[in-house]
PDB file of N, CA and C in Angstrom:
ATOM      1  N   UNK A   1     -11.115 -46.014  75.538  1.00  0.00           N
ATOM      2  CA  UNK A   1     -12.451 -45.367  76.063  1.00  0.00           C
ATOM      3  C   UNK A   1     -12.775 -46.449  77.272  1.00  0.00           C
ATOM      4  N   UNK A   2     -13.639 -46.264  77.690  1.00  0.00           N
ATOM      5  CA  UNK A   2     -13.753 -45.955  79.562  1.00  0.00           C
ATOM      6  C   UNK A   2     -15.167 -47.076  79.038  1.00  0.00           C
ATOM      7  N   UNK A   3     -15.423 -47.928  79.659  1.00  0.00           N
ATOM      8  CA  UNK A   3     -16.514 -49.499  79.351  1.00  0.00           C
ATOM      9  C   UNK A   3     -17.883 -49.195  81.071  1.00  0.00           C
ATOM     10  N   UNK A   4     -18.626 -49.984  80.472  1.00  0.00           N
ATOM     11  CA  UNK A   4     -19.820 -49.636  81.788  1.00  0.00           C
ATOM     12  C   UNK A   4     -20.430 -50.827  81.309  1.00  0.00           C
ATOM     13  N   UNK A   5     -21.412 -51.105  82.820  1.00  0.00           N
ATOM     14  CA  UNK A   5     -21.518 -52.544  83.444  1.00  0.00           C
ATOM     15  C   UNK A   5     -23.039 -51.627  83.175  1.00  0.00           C
ATOM     16  N   UNK A   6     -23.945 -52.385  82.054  1.00  0.00           N
ATOM     17  CA  UNK A   6     -24.863 -51.515  81.933  1.00  0.00           C
ATOM     18  C   UNK A   6     -26.015 -53.185  82.618  1.00  0.00           C
ATOM     19  N   UNK A   7     -26.044 -53.014  83.762  1.00  0.00           N
ATOM     20  CA  UNK A   7     -26.985 -54.263  84.333  1.00  0.00           C
ATOM     21  C   UNK A   7     -28.312 -54.536  84.514  1.00  0.00           C
ATOM     22  N   UNK A   8     -29.149 -55.798  84.200  1.00  0.00           N
ATOM     23  CA  UNK A   8     -30.587 -54.629  83.496  1.00  0.00           C
ATOM     24  C   UNK A   8     -30.971 -55.870  84.634  1.00  0.00           C
ATOM     25  N   UNK A   9     -31.868 -55.231  85.346  1.00  0.00           N
ATOM     26  CA  UNK A   9     -33.448 -55.715  86.391  1.00  0.00           C
ATOM     27  C   UNK A   9     -34.469 -55.755  86.105  1.00  0.00           C
ATOM     28  N   UNK A  10     -34.828 -56.783  85.324  1.00  0.00           N
ATOM     29  CA  UNK A  10     -36.212 -56.039  84.773  1.00  0.00           C
ATOM     30  C   UNK A  10     -37.486 -57.155  85.132  1.00  0.00           C
ATOM     31  N   UNK A  11     -38.449 -57.825  84.249  1.00  0.00           N
ATOM     32  CA  UNK A  11     -39.317 -59.337  84.826  1.00  0.00           C
ATOM     33  C   UNK A  11     -38.950 -60.163  85.349  1.00  0.00           C
ATOM     34  N   UNK A  12     -38.507 -61.430  85.907  1.00  0.00           N
ATOM     35  CA  UNK A  12     -37.760 -62.772  86.088  1.00  0.00           C
ATOM     36  C   UNK A  12     -38.541 -63.420  84.803  1.00  0.00           C
ATOM     37  N   UNK A  13     -37.723 -63.430  83.546  1.00  0.00           N
ATOM     38  CA  UNK A  13     -38.860 -64.554  82.720  1.00  0.00           C
ATOM     39  C   UNK A  13     -37.701 -65.894  82.395  1.00  0.00           C
ATOM     40  N   UNK A  14     -37.451 -66.681  81.639  1.00  0.00           N
ATOM     41  CA  UNK A  14     -37.174 -67.199  81.419  1.00  0.00           C
ATOM     42  C   UNK A  14     -36.935 -67.248  79.235  1.00  0.00           C
ATOM     43  N   UNK A  15     -35.421 -66.914  79.025  1.00  0.00           N
ATOM     44  CA  UNK A  15     -35.393 -65.619  78.199  1.00  0.00           C
ATOM     45  C   UNK A  15     -35.797 -67.698  76.742  1.00  0.00           C
ATOM     46  N   UNK A  16     -34.743 -68.277  77.125  1.00  0.00           N
ATOM     47  CA  UNK A  16     -34.953 -69.559  75.709  1.00  0.00           C
ATOM     48  C   UNK A  16     -36.663 -70.186  75.859  1.00  0.00           C
ATOM     49  N   UNK A  17     -37.715 -69.753  76.087  1.00  0.00           N
ATOM     50  CA  UNK A  17     -39.334 -69.907  76.340  1.00  0.00           C
ATOM     51  C   UNK A  17     -39.869 -69.543  74.875  1.00  0.00           C
ATOM     52  N   UNK A  18     -40.303 -69.859  74.788  1.00  0.00           N
ATOM     53  CA  UNK A  18     -41.088 -69.609  73.673  1.00  0.00           C
ATOM     54  C   UNK A  18     -42.154 -67.811  73.529  1.00  0.00           C
ATOM     55  N   UNK A  19     -42.308 -67.931  75.176  1.00  0.00           N
ATOM     56  CA  UNK A  19     -43.252 -66.892  75.534  1.00  0.00           C
ATOM     57  C   UNK A  19     -42.213 -65.725  75.396  1.00  0.00           C
ATOM     58  N   UNK A  20     -41.122 -66.109  75.780  1.00  0.00           N
ATOM     59  CA  UNK A  20     -39.916 -65.001  75.262  1.00  0.00           C
ATOM     60  C   UNK A  20     -39.778 -64.087  73.974  1.00  0.00           C
ATOM     61  N   UNK A  21     -40.016 -65.665  72.877  1.00  0.00           N
ATOM     62  CA  UNK A  21     -39.716 -64.551  71.821  1.00  0.00           C
ATOM     63  C   UNK A  21     -39.745 -63.485  71.080  1.00  0.00           C
ATOM     64  N   UNK A  22     -40.626 -62.708  71.595  1.00  0.00           N
ATOM     65  CA  UNK A  22     -40.888 -61.207  71.243  1.00  0.00           C
ATOM     66  C   UNK A  22     -40.513 -60.086  72.121  1.00  0.00           C
ATOM     67  N   UNK A  23     -39.916 -60.672  72.720  1.00  0.00           N
ATOM     68  CA  UNK A  23     -38.821 -59.425  73.652  1.00  0.00           C
ATOM     69  C   UNK A  23     -37.574 -60.082  73.487  1.00  0.00           C
ATOM     70  N   UNK A  24     -37.107 -61.735  72.805  1.00  0.00           N
ATOM     71  CA  UNK A  24     -35.894 -61.587  72.580  1.00  0.00           C
ATOM     72  C   UNK A  24     -35.049 -61.042  71.340  1.00  0.00           C
ATOM     73  N   UNK A  25     -36.512 -60.826  70.510  1.00  0.00           N
ATOM     74  CA  UNK A  25     -36.242 -60.451  69.321  1.00  0.00           C
ATOM     75  C   UNK A  25     -36.543 -58.567  69.647  1.00  0.00           C
ATOM     76  N   UNK A  26     -36.991 -58.070  70.570  1.00  0.00           N
ATOM     77  CA  UNK A  26     -36.471 -56.291  70.760  1.00  0.00           C
ATOM     78  C   UNK A  26     -35.230 -56.267  70.664  1.00  0.00           C
ATOM     79  N   UNK A  27     -34.676 -57.371  72.057  1.00  0.00           N
ATOM     80  CA  UNK A  27     -32.913 -57.758  72.456  1.00  0.00           C
ATOM     81  C   UNK A  27     -32.333 -58.105  71.398  1.00  0.00           C
ATOM     82  N   UNK A  28     -32.115 -58.694  70.469  1.00  0.00           N
ATOM     83  CA  UNK A  28     -31.745 -58.255  69.145  1.00  0.00           C
ATOM     84  C   UNK A  28     -31.601 -57.662  67.989  1.00  0.00           C
ATOM     85  N   UNK A  29     -32.429 -56.884  68.108  1.00  0.00           N
ATOM     86  CA  UNK A  29     -32.774 -55.576  67.926  1.00  0.00           C
ATOM     87  C   UNK A  29     -31.850 -54.728  68.367  1.00  0.00           C
ATOM     88  N   UNK A  30     -31.701 -54.623  69.457  1.00  0.00           N
ATOM     89  CA  UNK A  30     -31.276 -53.419  70.259  1.00  0.00           C
ATOM     90  C   UNK A  30     -29.691 -54.460  70.337  1.00  0.00           C
ATOM     91  N   UNK A  31     -29.324 -55.334  70.086  1.00  0.00           N
ATOM     92  CA  UNK A  31     -27.993 -56.164  70.042  1.00  0.00           C
ATOM     93  C   UNK A  31     -27.408 -55.905  68.879  1.00  0.00           C
ATOM     94  N   UNK A  32     -28.443 -55.278  67.783  1.00  0.00           N
ATOM     95  CA  UNK A  32     -27.550 -55.108  66.239  1.00  0.00           C
ATOM     96  C   UNK A  32     -27.915 -53.331  66.484  1.00  0.00           C
ATOM     97  N   UNK A  33     -27.889 -52.754  67.253  1.00  0.00           N
ATOM     98  CA  UNK A  33     -28.352 -51.437  67.199  1.00  0.00           C
ATOM     99  C   UNK A  33     -26.958 -50.871  67.171  1.00  0.00           C
ATOM    100  N   UNK A  34     -27.230 -51.185  68.270  1.00  0.00           N
ATOM    101  CA  UNK A  34     -26.121 -50.731  69.401  1.00  0.00           C
ATOM    102  C   UNK A  34     -24.633 -51.526  69.427  1.00  0.00           C
ATOM    103  N   UNK A  35     -24.076 -52.379  68.263  1.00  0.00           N
ATOM    104  CA  UNK A  35     -23.103 -53.372  67.868  1.00  0.00           C
ATOM    105  C   UNK A  35     -21.954 -52.352  67.777  1.00  0.00           C
ATOM    106  N   UNK A  36     -21.857 -51.530  67.912  1.00  0.00           N
ATOM    107  CA  UNK A  36     -20.680 -51.325  67.673  1.00  0.00           C
ATOM    108  C   UNK A  36     -19.701 -50.753  68.883  1.00  0.00           C
ATOM    109  N   UNK A  37     -20.450 -50.535  70.279  1.00  0.00           N
ATOM    110  CA  UNK A  37     -20.164 -50.200  71.306  1.00  0.00           C
ATOM    111  C   UNK A  37     -20.435 -51.647  72.686  1.00  0.00           C
ATOM    112  N   UNK A  38     -20.994 -52.738  72.276  1.00  0.00           N
ATOM    113  CA  UNK A  38     -20.795 -54.008  72.890  1.00  0.00           C
ATOM    114  C   UNK A  38     -20.321 -54.388  72.799  1.00  0.00           C
ATOM    115  N   UNK A  39     -19.360 -54.757  74.270  1.00  0.00           N
ATOM    116  CA  UNK A  39     -18.287 -55.716  73.937  1.00  0.00           C
ATOM    117  C   UNK A  39     -18.582 -56.885  75.039  1.00  0.00           C
ATOM    118  N   UNK A  40     -19.641 -57.021  75.111  1.00  0.00           N
ATOM    119  CA  UNK A  40     -19.813 -58.623  76.084  1.00  0.00           C
ATOM    120  C   UNK A  40     -21.185 -58.412  76.717  1.00  0.00           C
ATOM    121  N   UNK A  41     -21.506 -59.524  77.023  1.00  0.00           N
ATOM    122  CA  UNK A  41     -22.925 -60.084  77.871  1.00  0.00           C
ATOM    123  C   UNK A  41     -23.078 -60.952  77.805  1.00  0.00           C
ATOM    124  N   UNK A  42     -24.175 -61.116  78.394  1.00  0.00           N
ATOM    125  CA  UNK A  42     -24.734 -62.386  78.584  1.00  0.00           C
ATOM    126  C   UNK A  42     -26.236 -62.178  79.370  1.00  0.00           C
ATOM    127  N   UNK A  43     -27.776 -63.302  78.778  1.00  0.00           N
ATOM    128  CA  UNK A  43     -29.196 -62.672  79.903  1.00  0.00           C
ATOM    129  C   UNK A  43     -28.605 -64.050  80.504  1.00  0.00           C
ATOM    130  N   UNK A  44     -29.737 -64.173  81.433  1.00  0.00           N
ATOM    131  CA  UNK A  44     -29.427 -64.945  82.260  1.00  0.00           C
ATOM    132  C   UNK A  44     -30.722 -65.783  83.343  1.00  0.00           C
ATOM    133  N   UNK A  45     -30.377 -66.861  83.221  1.00  0.00           N
ATOM    134  CA  UNK A  45     -31.593 -68.296  83.639  1.00  0.00           C
ATOM    135  C   UNK A  45     -33.077 -66.937  84.679  1.00  0.00           C
ATOM    136  N   UNK A  46     -33.705 -67.625  84.532  1.00  0.00           N
ATOM    137  CA  UNK A  46     -34.372 -67.313  86.215  1.00  0.00           C
ATOM    138  C   UNK A  46     -33.871 -66.874  87.676  1.00  0.00           C
ATOM    139  N   UNK A  47     -33.919 -66.451  88.904  1.00  0.00           N
ATOM    140  CA  UNK A  47     -33.335 -66.439  89.895  1.00  0.00           C
ATOM    141  C   UNK A  47     -33.945 -68.384  90.448  1.00  0.00           C
ATOM    142  N   UNK A  48     -35.164 -68.854  90.142  1.00  0.00           N
ATOM    143  CA  UNK A  48     -35.373 -70.028  90.568  1.00  0.00           C
ATOM    144  C   UNK A  48     -34.378 -70.755  90.205  1.00  0.00           C
ATOM    145  N   UNK A  49     -33.425 -70.847  89.410  1.00  0.00           N
ATOM    146  CA  UNK A  49     -32.224 -71.769  89.207  1.00  0.00           C
ATOM    147  C   UNK A  49     -30.680 -71.311  90.054  1.00  0.00           C
ATOM    148  N   UNK A  50     -30.959 -70.112  90.440  1.00  0.00           N
ATOM    149  CA  UNK A  50     -29.949 -69.526  91.169  1.00  0.00           C
ATOM    150  C   UNK A  50     -29.144 -70.731  92.361  1.00  0.00           C
ATOM    151  N   UNK A  51     -28.038 -70.232  93.144  1.00  0.00           N
ATOM    152  CA  UNK A  51     -27.237 -70.886  93.667  1.00  0.00           C
ATOM    153  C   UNK A  51     -27.068 -69.718  94.159  1.00  0.00           C
ATOM    154  N   UNK A  52     -27.122 -69.240  95.641  1.00  0.00           N
ATOM    155  CA  UNK A  52     -26.372 -68.633  96.580  1.00  0.00           C
ATOM    156  C   UNK A  52     -24.996 -69.037  97.489  1.00  0.00           C
ATOM    157  N   UNK A  53     -23.887 -68.578  97.651  1.00  0.00           N
ATOM    158  CA  UNK A  53     -23.101 -68.971  97.936  1.00  0.00           C
ATOM    159  C   UNK A  53     -22.242 -68.414  99.301  1.00  0.00           C
ATOM    160  N   UNK A  54     -22.357 -68.994 100.408  1.00  0.00           N
ATOM    161  CA  UNK A  54     -21.609 -68.032 101.096  1.00  0.00           C
ATOM    162  C   UNK A  54     -20.622 -69.226 101.549  1.00  0.00           C
ATOM    163  N   UNK A  55     -19.479 -68.323 102.781  1.00  0.00           N
ATOM    164  CA  UNK A  55     -18.644 -68.801 103.455  1.00  0.00           C
ATOM    165  C   UNK A  55     -19.104 -67.862 104.878  1.00  0.00           C
ATOM    166  N   UNK A  56     -18.537 -68.458 105.724  1.00  0.00           N
ATOM    167  CA  UNK A  56     -19.138 -68.477 107.055  1.00  0.00           C
ATOM    168  C   UNK A  56     -17.921 -68.253 107.907  1.00  0.00           C
ATOM    169  N   UNK A  57     -17.909 -66.990 108.488  1.00  0.00           N
ATOM    170  CA  UNK A  57     -16.400 -66.970 109.362  1.00  0.00           C
ATOM    171  C   UNK A  57     -15.295 -66.811 108.657  1.00  0.00           C
ATOM    172  N   UNK A  58     -15.884 -66.211 107.452  1.00  0.00           N
ATOM    173  CA  UNK A  58     -14.920 -65.347 106.736  1.00  0.00           C
ATOM    174  C   UNK A  58     -12.883 -66.514 106.126  1.00  0.00           C
ATOM    175  N   UNK A  59     -12.735 -66.382 105.232  1.00  0.00           N
ATOM    176  CA  UNK A  59     -11.386 -66.745 104.964  1.00  0.00           C
ATOM    177  C   UNK A  59     -11.127 -68.296 105.198  1.00  0.00           C
ATOM    178  N   UNK A  60     -11.788 -69.352 104.577  1.00  0.00           N
ATOM    179  CA  UNK A  60     -11.287 -70.312 104.597  1.00  0.00           C
ATOM    180  C   UNK A  60     -12.849 -70.566 106.242  1.00  0.00           C
ATOM    181  N   UNK A  61     -13.523 -70.343 106.139  1.00  0.00           N
ATOM    182  CA  UNK A  61     -14.878 -70.394 106.714  1.00  0.00           C
ATOM    183  C   UNK A  61     -15.642 -72.086 106.196  1.00  0.00           C
ATOM    184  N   UNK A  62     -16.507 -71.750 106.834  1.00  0.00           N
ATOM    185  CA  UNK A  62     -17.430 -73.155 106.005  1.00  0.00           C
ATOM    186  C   UNK A  62     -17.910 -72.717 104.682  1.00  0.00           C
ATOM    187  N   UNK A  63     -18.359 -73.665 103.947  1.00  0.00           N
ATOM    188  CA  UNK A  63     -18.995 -73.075 102.817  1.00  0.00           C
ATOM    189  C   UNK A  63     -20.805 -73.653 103.323  1.00  0.00           C
ATOM    190  N   UNK A  64     -21.182 -72.897 102.796  1.00  0.00           N
ATOM    191  CA  UNK A  64     -23.443 -72.400 102.630  1.00  0.00           C
ATOM    192  C   UNK A  64     -23.286 -72.150 101.225  1.00  0.00           C
ATOM    193  N   UNK A  65     -24.721 -73.134 100.866  1.00  0.00           N
ATOM    194  CA  UNK A  65     -25.333 -72.527  99.473  1.00  0.00           C
ATOM    195  C   UNK A  65     -26.393 -72.660 100.333  1.00  0.00           C
ATOM    196  N   UNK A  66     -27.469 -72.077  99.460  1.00  0.00           N
ATOM    197  CA  UNK A  66     -29.048 -72.092  99.657  1.00  0.00           C
ATOM    198  C   UNK A  66     -29.255 -71.907  98.091  1.00  0.00           C
ATOM    199  N   UNK A  67     -30.456 -72.358  97.848  1.00  0.00           N
ATOM    200  CA  UNK A  67     -31.255 -72.980  96.540  1.00  0.00           C
ATOM    201  C   UNK A  67     -31.444 -71.367  95.950  1.00  0.00           C
ATOM    202  N   UNK A  68     -32.071 -71.195  95.287  1.00  0.00           N
ATOM    203  CA  UNK A  68     -32.745 -69.133  95.009  1.00  0.00           C
ATOM    204  C   UNK A  68     -31.550 -68.116  95.091  1.00  0.00           C
ATOM    205  N   UNK A  69     -32.512 -66.911  94.791  1.00  0.00           N
ATOM    206  CA  UNK A  69     -31.385 -65.791  94.448  1.00  0.00           C
ATOM    207  C   UNK A  69     -30.807 -65.692  95.754  1.00  0.00           C
ATOM    208  N   UNK A  70     -29.929 -64.042  95.924  1.00  0.00           N
ATOM    209  CA  UNK A  70     -29.502 -63.300  97.218  1.00  0.00           C
ATOM    210  C   UNK A  70     -31.197 -62.887  98.138  1.00  0.00           C
ATOM    211  N   UNK A  71     -31.998 -62.207  97.482  1.00  0.00           N
ATOM    212  CA  UNK A  71     -32.380 -61.731  97.524  1.00  0.00           C
ATOM    213  C   UNK A  71     -34.265 -62.039  97.077  1.00  0.00           C
ATOM    214  N   UNK A  72     -35.087 -61.532  97.482  1.00  0.00           N
ATOM    215  CA  UNK A  72     -36.763 -61.560  96.981  1.00  0.00           C
ATOM    216  C   UNK A  72     -37.171 -60.141  96.863  1.00  0.00           C
ATOM    217  N   UNK A  73     -36.797 -59.954  94.945  1.00  0.00           N
ATOM    218  CA  UNK A  73     -37.364 -58.482  94.832  1.00  0.00           C
ATOM    219  C   UNK A  73     -38.099 -58.336  93.507  1.00  0.00           C
ATOM    220  N   UNK A  74     -39.486 -57.492  93.406  1.00  0.00           N
ATOM    221  CA  UNK A  74     -40.067 -57.407  92.057  1.00  0.00           C
ATOM    222  C   UNK A  74     -39.423 -57.397  90.982  1.00  0.00           C
ATOM    223  N   UNK A  75     -37.826 -57.200  90.896  1.00  0.00           N
ATOM    224  CA  UNK A  75     -37.838 -57.437  89.604  1.00  0.00           C
ATOM    225  C   UNK A  75     -36.051 -58.241  89.681  1.00  0.00           C
ATOM    226  N   UNK A  76     -35.625 -58.648  88.732  1.00  0.00           N
ATOM    227  CA  UNK A  76     -34.893 -59.587  89.062  1.00  0.00           C
ATOM    228  C   UNK A  76     -33.436 -59.684  88.150  1.00  0.00           C
ATOM    229  N   UNK A  77     -32.319 -59.487  88.596  1.00  0.00           N
ATOM    230  CA  UNK A  77     -31.509 -59.417  87.668  1.00  0.00           C
ATOM    231  C   UNK A  77     -31.428 -60.524  86.586  1.00  0.00           C
ATOM    232  N   UNK A  78     -31.248 -60.237  84.948  1.00  0.00           N
ATOM    233  CA  UNK A  78     -31.658 -60.559  84.111  1.00  0.00           C
ATOM    234  C   UNK A  78     -30.396 -60.628  82.890  1.00  0.00           C
ATOM    235  N   UNK A  79     -29.803 -60.102  83.216  1.00  0.00           N
ATOM    236  CA  UNK A  79     -28.361 -60.101  82.305  1.00  0.00           C
ATOM    237  C   UNK A  79     -27.571 -59.059  82.523  1.00  0.00           C
ATOM    238  N   UNK A  80     -27.051 -58.509  81.360  1.00  0.00           N
ATOM    239  CA  UNK A  80     -25.951 -57.776  81.351  1.00  0.00           C
ATOM    240  C   UNK A  80     -25.244 -56.737  79.785  1.00  0.00           C
ATOM    241  N   UNK A  81     -24.906 -55.669  79.854  1.00  0.00           N
ATOM    242  CA  UNK A  81     -24.002 -55.604  78.628  1.00  0.00           C
ATOM    243  C   UNK A  81     -22.902 -55.352  78.913  1.00  0.00           C
ATOM    244  N   UNK A  82     -21.951 -55.361  78.626  1.00  0.00           N
ATOM    245  CA  UNK A  82     -20.462 -54.516  78.985  1.00  0.00           C
ATOM    246  C   UNK A  82     -20.131 -53.709  77.965  1.00  0.00           C
ATOM    247  N   UNK A  83     -20.767 -52.302  77.618  1.00  0.00           N
ATOM    248  CA  UNK A  83     -20.233 -51.171  77.127  1.00  0.00           C
ATOM    249  C   UNK A  83     -19.441 -50.473  77.231  1.00  0.00           C
ATOM    250  N   UNK A  84     -18.631 -50.134  75.526  1.00  0.00           N
ATOM    251  CA  UNK A  84     -17.980 -49.194  75.467  1.00  0.00           C
ATOM    252  C   UNK A  84     -17.853 -47.994  74.839  1.00  0.00           C
ATOM    253  N   UNK A  85     -17.776 -47.379  75.714  1.00  0.00           N
ATOM    254  CA  UNK A  85     -18.678 -45.235  75.601  1.00  0.00           C
ATOM    255  C   UNK A  85     -17.595 -44.101  75.789  1.00  0.00           C
ATOM    256  N   UNK A  86     -17.602 -43.134  75.149  1.00  0.00           N
ATOM    257  CA  UNK A  86     -16.856 -42.325  75.189  1.00  0.00           C
ATOM    258  C   UNK A  86     -16.944 -41.717  76.871  1.00  0.00           C
ATOM    259  N   UNK A  87     -18.459 -41.639  77.171  1.00  0.00           N
ATOM    260  CA  UNK A  87     -18.839 -40.944  78.295  1.00  0.00           C
ATOM    261  C   UNK A  87     -20.049 -41.691  78.729  1.00  0.00           C
ATOM    262  N   UNK A  88     -20.396 -41.175  80.206  1.00  0.00           N
ATOM    263  CA  UNK A  88     -21.266 -41.771  80.652  1.00  0.00           C
ATOM    264  C   UNK A  88     -22.530 -41.543  80.513  1.00  0.00           C
ATOM    265  N   UNK A  89     -22.542 -40.180  80.026  1.00  0.00           N
ATOM    266  CA  UNK A  89     -23.881 -40.463  79.001  1.00  0.00           C
ATOM    267  C   UNK A  89     -23.727 -40.486  77.704  1.00  0.00           C
ATOM    268  N   UNK A  90     -22.965 -40.974  76.625  1.00  0.00           N
ATOM    269  CA  UNK A  90     -23.629 -41.585  75.987  1.00  0.00           C
ATOM    270  C   UNK A  90     -23.952 -43.614  76.475  1.00  0.00           C
ATOM    271  N   UNK A  91     -22.948 -43.785  77.288  1.00  0.00           N
ATOM    272  CA  UNK A  91     -23.509 -45.149  78.186  1.00  0.00           C
ATOM    273  C   UNK A  91     -25.103 -44.678  78.574  1.00  0.00           C
ATOM    274  N   UNK A  92     -25.579 -43.616  79.136  1.00  0.00           N
ATOM    275  CA  UNK A  92     -27.298 -43.950  79.593  1.00  0.00           C
ATOM    276  C   UNK A  92     -27.864 -43.403  78.801  1.00  0.00           C
ATOM    277  N   UNK A  93     -27.621 -43.110  77.525  1.00  0.00           N
ATOM    278  CA  UNK A  93     -28.043 -43.069  76.074  1.00  0.00           C
ATOM    279  C   UNK A  93     -27.970 -45.019  75.282  1.00  0.00           C
ATOM    280  N   UNK A  94     -27.953 -45.097  75.640  1.00  0.00           N
ATOM    281  CA  UNK A  94     -27.538 -46.743  74.966  1.00  0.00           C
ATOM    282  C   UNK A  94     -28.225 -47.810  76.128  1.00  0.00           C
ATOM    283  N   UNK A  95     -27.522 -47.318  77.237  1.00  0.00           N
ATOM    284  CA  UNK A  95     -28.788 -47.886  78.680  1.00  0.00           C
ATOM    285  C   UNK A  95     -30.273 -47.840  78.485  1.00  0.00           C
ATOM    286  N   UNK A  96     -30.684 -46.774  77.824  1.00  0.00           N
ATOM    287  CA  UNK A  96     -32.067 -46.229  78.192  1.00  0.00           C
ATOM    288  C   UNK A  96     -33.021 -47.247  76.283  1.00  0.00           C
ATOM    289  N   UNK A  97     -32.123 -47.811  75.739  1.00  0.00           N
ATOM    290  CA  UNK A  97     -32.476 -47.923  74.348  1.00  0.00           C
ATOM    291  C   UNK A  97     -32.663 -49.810  74.920  1.00  0.00           C
ATOM    292  N   UNK A  98     -32.463 -50.782  76.231  1.00  0.00           N
ATOM    293  CA  UNK A  98     -32.194 -51.736  76.595  1.00  0.00           C
ATOM    294  C   UNK A  98     -33.887 -52.122  76.507  1.00  0.00           C
ATOM    295  N   UNK A  99     -34.340 -53.358  76.270  1.00  0.00           N
ATOM    296  CA  UNK A  99     -35.629 -53.495  76.735  1.00  0.00           C
ATOM    297  C   UNK A  99     -35.683 -53.652  77.791  1.00  0.00           C
ATOM    298  N   UNK A 100     -35.310 -53.821  78.621  1.00  0.00           N
ATOM    299  CA  UNK A 100     -35.272 -54.076  80.188  1.00  0.00           C
ATOM    300  C   UNK A 100     -35.692 -52.930  80.686  1.00  0.00           C
ATOM    301  N   UNK A 101     -35.240 -51.860  80.252  1.00  0.00           N
ATOM    302  CA  UNK A 101     -36.010 -50.567  80.790  1.00  0.00           C
ATOM    303  C   UNK A 101     -36.932 -50.348  80.727  1.00  0.00           C
ATOM    304  N   UNK A 102     -37.527 -50.847  80.234  1.00  0.00           N
ATOM    305  CA  UNK A 102     -39.606 -50.232  79.747  1.00  0.00           C
ATOM    306  C   UNK A 102     -40.301 -50.936  80.652  1.00  0.00           C
ATOM    307  N   UNK A 103     -39.746 -52.535  81.530  1.00  0.00           N
ATOM    308  CA  UNK A 103     -40.348 -52.533  82.558  1.00  0.00           C
ATOM    309  C   UNK A 103     -39.447 -52.596  83.455  1.00  0.00           C
ATOM    310  N   UNK A 104     -38.650 -52.930  83.684  1.00  0.00           N
ATOM    311  CA  UNK A 104     -38.107 -52.380  84.750  1.00  0.00           C
ATOM    312  C   UNK A 104     -36.893 -51.388  84.996  1.00  0.00           C
ATOM    313  N   UNK A 105     -35.301 -51.934  85.175  1.00  0.00           N
ATOM    314  CA  UNK A 105     -34.297 -50.873  85.276  1.00  0.00           C
ATOM    315  C   UNK A 105     -32.799 -51.540  84.980  1.00  0.00           C
ATOM    316  N   UNK A 106     -32.093 -50.355  84.123  1.00  0.00           N
ATOM    317  CA  UNK A 106     -30.479 -50.179  83.781  1.00  0.00           C
ATOM    318  C   UNK A 106     -29.889 -49.840  85.097  1.00  0.00           C
ATOM    319  N   UNK A 107     -29.087 -49.959  85.783  1.00  0.00           N
ATOM    320  CA  UNK A 107     -28.398 -50.150  86.326  1.00  0.00           C
ATOM    321  C   UNK A 107     -26.187 -49.749  85.060  1.00  0.00           C
ATOM    322  N   UNK A 108     -26.130 -48.467  85.181  1.00  0.00           N
ATOM    323  CA  UNK A 108     -24.882 -48.623  84.695  1.00  0.00           C
ATOM    324  C   UNK A 108     -23.835 -47.753  85.560  1.00  0.00           C
ATOM    325  N   UNK A 109     -22.846 -48.675  85.644  1.00  0.00           N
ATOM    326  CA  UNK A 109     -21.716 -48.532  86.886  1.00  0.00           C
ATOM    327  C   UNK A 109     -20.556 -48.414  85.447  1.00  0.00           C
ATOM    328  N   UNK A 110     -19.188 -47.701  86.270  1.00  0.00           N
ATOM    329  CA  UNK A 110     -18.247 -48.391  85.081  1.00  0.00           C
ATOM    330  C   UNK A 110     -17.319 -48.714  85.701  1.00  0.00           C
ATOM    331  N   UNK A 111     -16.545 -49.427  84.331  1.00  0.00           N
ATOM    332  CA  UNK A 111     -15.430 -50.771  85.149  1.00  0.00           C
ATOM    333  C   UNK A 111     -14.310 -50.200  85.086  1.00  0.00           C
ATOM    334  N   UNK A 112     -14.096 -51.179  86.533  1.00  0.00           N
ATOM    335  CA  UNK A 112     -12.611 -50.475  86.742  1.00  0.00           C
ATOM    336  C   UNK A 112     -11.193 -51.002  85.736  1.00  0.00           C
ATOM    337  N   UNK A 113     -10.667 -50.289  85.237  1.00  0.00           N
ATOM    338  CA  UNK A 113      -9.436 -50.721  84.366  1.00  0.00           C
ATOM    339  C   UNK A 113      -8.430 -51.642  85.035  1.00  0.00           C
ATOM    340  N   UNK A 114      -7.850 -52.242  85.493  1.00  0.00           N
ATOM    341  CA  UNK A 114      -6.693 -52.784  86.023  1.00  0.00           C
ATOM    342  C   UNK A 114      -5.501 -52.876  85.365  1.00  0.00           C
ATOM    343  N   UNK A 115      -5.495 -52.322  84.260  1.00  0.00           N
ATOM    344  CA  UNK A 115      -4.353 -52.818  82.738  1.00  0.00           C
ATOM    345  C   UNK A 115      -4.942 -53.536  82.665  1.00  0.00           C
ATOM    346  N   UNK A 116      -4.031 -53.662  81.602  1.00  0.00           N
ATOM    347  CA  UNK A 116      -3.767 -55.029  80.945  1.00  0.00           C
ATOM    348  C   UNK A 116      -1.812 -55.443  80.727  1.00  0.00           C
TER     349      UNK A 116
END
């Protein structure tokens, strides 16, 4: 069965703080309800904890790092799920139940299968 990445763009919050307790309950409920198709995933710390890495001049070039996210946006990449669904329609229906869709967006992309 094909796999899909459900990439969550939502309000940039720290999911480990007390302020996120209610939201994490919603995510736990989603996870329990969609357990049959979830194959992996993770929540991410806020973008303030990000380090952006670049290599200037191509392969073998100079390593340049900067604190913070790659781009400043209203919604941030806050996590993802790896879903195994029959087709895109099913993946979209599952993604619509992810709490991040309620105040942000879920990008659903097919995952390339390079074989095992």
